[in-house]
């Protein structure tokens, strides 16, 4: 998988985030990369890298669900709209567990594109299903917003 990544620098934040997610998933031997998305763009870009992990795109947009159904290796899931980072993570976790895609205690890679008003935007994180937020997310977040600070 890493040969697909190396040598293709584009200077795009989205490409860097997708490569980081794919690398983290390989390094940590996770089964899944969960993508929180409004438009589906990050899931489409991640799909182009053809990671061996399952790509699950979670969105509240029915239009994005329809488009993502046509993209290689992407499994779109509809979820309710969220108002905060903590809420979107908990709803996403519940959606994954309820659909049988993830189980308690499992480590997954979580990524997000631009999510209006949420701190999770433009990030890649390691997340433990059923774990504490501080243990799973905040210590491992690589964020575009932090990079600018």
Protein backbone atom coordinates (compact mmCIF):
# COMPACT_ATOMS: atom_id res chain seq x y z
CA UNK A 1 0.00 0.00 0.00
CA UNK A 2 2.75 2.46 0.81
CA UNK A 3 4.12 2.27 -2.76
CA UNK A 4 0.84 3.84 -3.91
CA UNK A 5 1.54 6.77 -1.61
CA UNK A 6 5.24 7.47 -2.01
CA UNK A 7 6.44 9.92 -4.65
CA UNK A 8 3.15 11.65 -5.34
CA UNK A 9 3.38 14.96 -3.55
CA UNK A 10 0.60 17.35 -4.53
CA UNK A 11 0.81 19.98 -1.80
CA UNK A 12 -2.85 19.43 -0.91
CA UNK A 13 -3.93 19.18 2.73
CA UNK A 14 -6.57 16.61 1.77
CA UNK A 15 -3.93 14.37 0.18
CA UNK A 16 -1.69 14.66 3.24
CA UNK A 17 -4.56 13.78 5.57
CA UNK A 18 -5.55 10.76 3.47
CA UNK A 19 -1.96 9.51 3.36
CA UNK A 20 -1.66 10.02 7.12
CA UNK A 21 -4.87 8.06 7.70
CA UNK A 22 -3.77 5.20 5.44
CA UNK A 23 -0.32 5.09 7.05
CA UNK A 24 -1.75 5.18 10.59
CA UNK A 25 -4.22 2.40 9.74
CA UNK A 26 -1.38 0.22 8.40
CA UNK A 27 0.98 1.05 11.26
CA UNK A 28 -1.65 0.35 13.94
CA UNK A 29 -3.09 -2.63 12.03
CA UNK A 30 -6.66 -1.35 12.20
CA UNK A 31 -9.49 -2.84 10.19
CA UNK A 32 -11.24 0.43 9.41
CA UNK A 33 -10.85 4.07 8.53
CA UNK A 34 -13.97 6.04 9.46
CA UNK A 35 -14.44 9.29 7.55
CA UNK A 36 -16.76 12.04 8.78
CA UNK A 37 -17.75 14.03 5.72
CA UNK A 38 -20.35 16.49 4.49
CA UNK A 39 -19.63 16.27 0.76
CA UNK A 40 -17.83 12.92 0.49
CA UNK A 41 -14.62 14.47 -0.84
CA UNK A 42 -12.27 13.02 1.80
CA UNK A 43 -13.72 9.53 1.37
CA UNK A 44 -13.25 9.78 -2.41
CA UNK A 45 -9.66 10.95 -2.01
CA UNK A 46 -8.90 8.19 0.50
CA UNK A 47 -10.42 5.62 -1.85
CA UNK A 48 -7.95 6.67 -4.56
CA UNK A 49 -5.11 5.38 -2.33
CA UNK A 50 -6.76 1.92 -2.23
CA UNK A 51 -6.01 1.19 1.44
CA UNK A 52 -6.52 -2.41 2.57
CA UNK A 53 -8.73 -1.19 5.42
CA UNK A 54 -12.46 -0.80 5.16
CA UNK A 55 -13.45 2.82 4.40
CA UNK A 56 -16.67 3.84 6.14
CA UNK A 57 -17.94 7.31 5.25
CA UNK A 58 -20.42 8.82 7.70
CA UNK A 59 -22.50 11.76 6.60
CA UNK A 60 -25.84 13.42 7.21
CA UNK A 61 -26.19 14.22 3.49
CA UNK A 62 -28.36 11.91 1.41
CA UNK A 63 -26.78 13.35 -1.75
CA UNK A 64 -23.31 12.40 -0.48
CA UNK A 65 -24.58 8.87 0.36
CA UNK A 66 -25.83 8.45 -3.21
CA UNK A 67 -22.53 9.61 -4.70
CA UNK A 68 -20.38 7.54 -2.32
CA UNK A 69 -22.28 4.38 -3.21
CA UNK A 70 -20.49 4.57 -6.57
CA UNK A 71 -16.95 4.96 -5.18
CA UNK A 72 -14.55 2.00 -4.92
CA UNK A 73 -14.22 0.58 -1.43
CA UNK A 74 -16.37 3.19 0.32
CA UNK A 75 -19.27 2.12 2.51
CA UNK A 76 -21.44 5.16 3.21
CA UNK A 77 -23.55 5.36 6.35
CA UNK A 78 -26.25 7.94 7.05
CA UNK A 79 -26.12 9.56 10.46
CA UNK A 80 -27.90 12.46 12.10
CA UNK A 81 -26.41 15.93 11.96
CA UNK A 82 -24.25 16.88 14.94
CA UNK A 83 -23.61 20.14 16.74
CA UNK A 84 -20.25 19.37 18.40
CA UNK A 85 -17.13 17.27 17.99
CA UNK A 86 -18.01 15.07 20.96
CA UNK A 87 -21.53 14.51 19.65
CA UNK A 88 -20.38 13.56 16.14
CA UNK A 89 -17.84 11.09 17.57
CA UNK A 90 -20.37 9.47 19.89
CA UNK A 91 -23.01 9.28 17.14
CA UNK A 92 -20.44 7.88 14.73
CA UNK A 93 -19.32 5.30 17.27
CA UNK A 94 -22.94 4.26 17.93
CA UNK A 95 -23.62 4.05 14.18
CA UNK A 96 -20.56 1.81 13.64
CA UNK A 97 -21.35 -0.48 16.59
CA UNK A 98 -25.09 -0.69 15.82
CA UNK A 99 -24.36 -1.61 12.19
CA UNK A 100 -21.93 -4.34 13.27
CA UNK A 101 -18.93 -2.68 11.62
CA UNK A 102 -16.99 -2.05 14.84
CA UNK A 103 -16.90 -3.54 18.32
CA UNK A 104 -16.17 -2.22 21.80
CA UNK A 105 -12.46 -1.78 22.47
CA UNK A 106 -11.50 -1.78 18.78
CA UNK A 107 -9.00 0.84 17.60
CA UNK A 108 -9.92 2.62 14.36
CA UNK A 109 -8.58 5.56 12.40
CA UNK A 110 -10.96 8.52 12.27
CA UNK A 111 -10.59 11.33 9.78
CA UNK A 112 -12.59 14.36 8.79
CA UNK A 113 -12.61 16.90 6.04
CA UNK A 114 -14.11 20.34 6.44
CA UNK A 115 -17.02 20.03 8.82
CA UNK A 116 -18.78 23.35 9.35
CA UNK A 117 -18.09 24.68 12.82
CA UNK A 118 -16.67 21.48 14.31
CA UNK A 119 -13.20 21.15 15.83
CA UNK A 120 -12.79 17.76 14.18
CA UNK A 121 -12.35 19.41 10.77
CA UNK A 122 -9.25 18.53 8.73
CA UNK A 123 -7.96 15.92 11.13
CA UNK A 124 -6.74 12.35 11.44
CA UNK A 125 -6.98 10.53 14.78
CA UNK A 126 -6.68 7.14 16.39
CA UNK A 127 -9.91 6.34 18.20
CA UNK A 128 -10.81 3.51 20.55
CA UNK A 129 -14.44 2.42 20.35
CA UNK A 130 -15.95 2.76 23.82
CA UNK A 131 -12.87 4.55 25.15
CA UNK A 132 -12.61 7.90 26.86
CA UNK A 133 -12.44 10.90 24.53
CA UNK A 134 -9.14 12.12 26.02
CA UNK A 135 -7.52 8.70 25.63
CA UNK A 136 -8.71 8.15 22.08
CA UNK A 137 -8.77 11.45 20.33
CA UNK A 138 -7.08 14.50 21.74
CA UNK A 139 -3.65 12.98 22.31
CA UNK A 140 -3.35 11.67 18.77
CA UNK A 141 -4.96 14.33 16.59
CA UNK A 142 -3.03 15.71 13.65
CA UNK A 143 -4.94 18.80 12.68
CA UNK A 144 -4.56 21.41 9.99
CA UNK A 145 -5.75 24.04 12.46
CA UNK A 146 -2.95 23.16 14.91
CA UNK A 147 -0.39 23.24 12.10
CA UNK A 148 -1.30 26.87 11.34
CA UNK A 149 -1.00 27.94 15.00
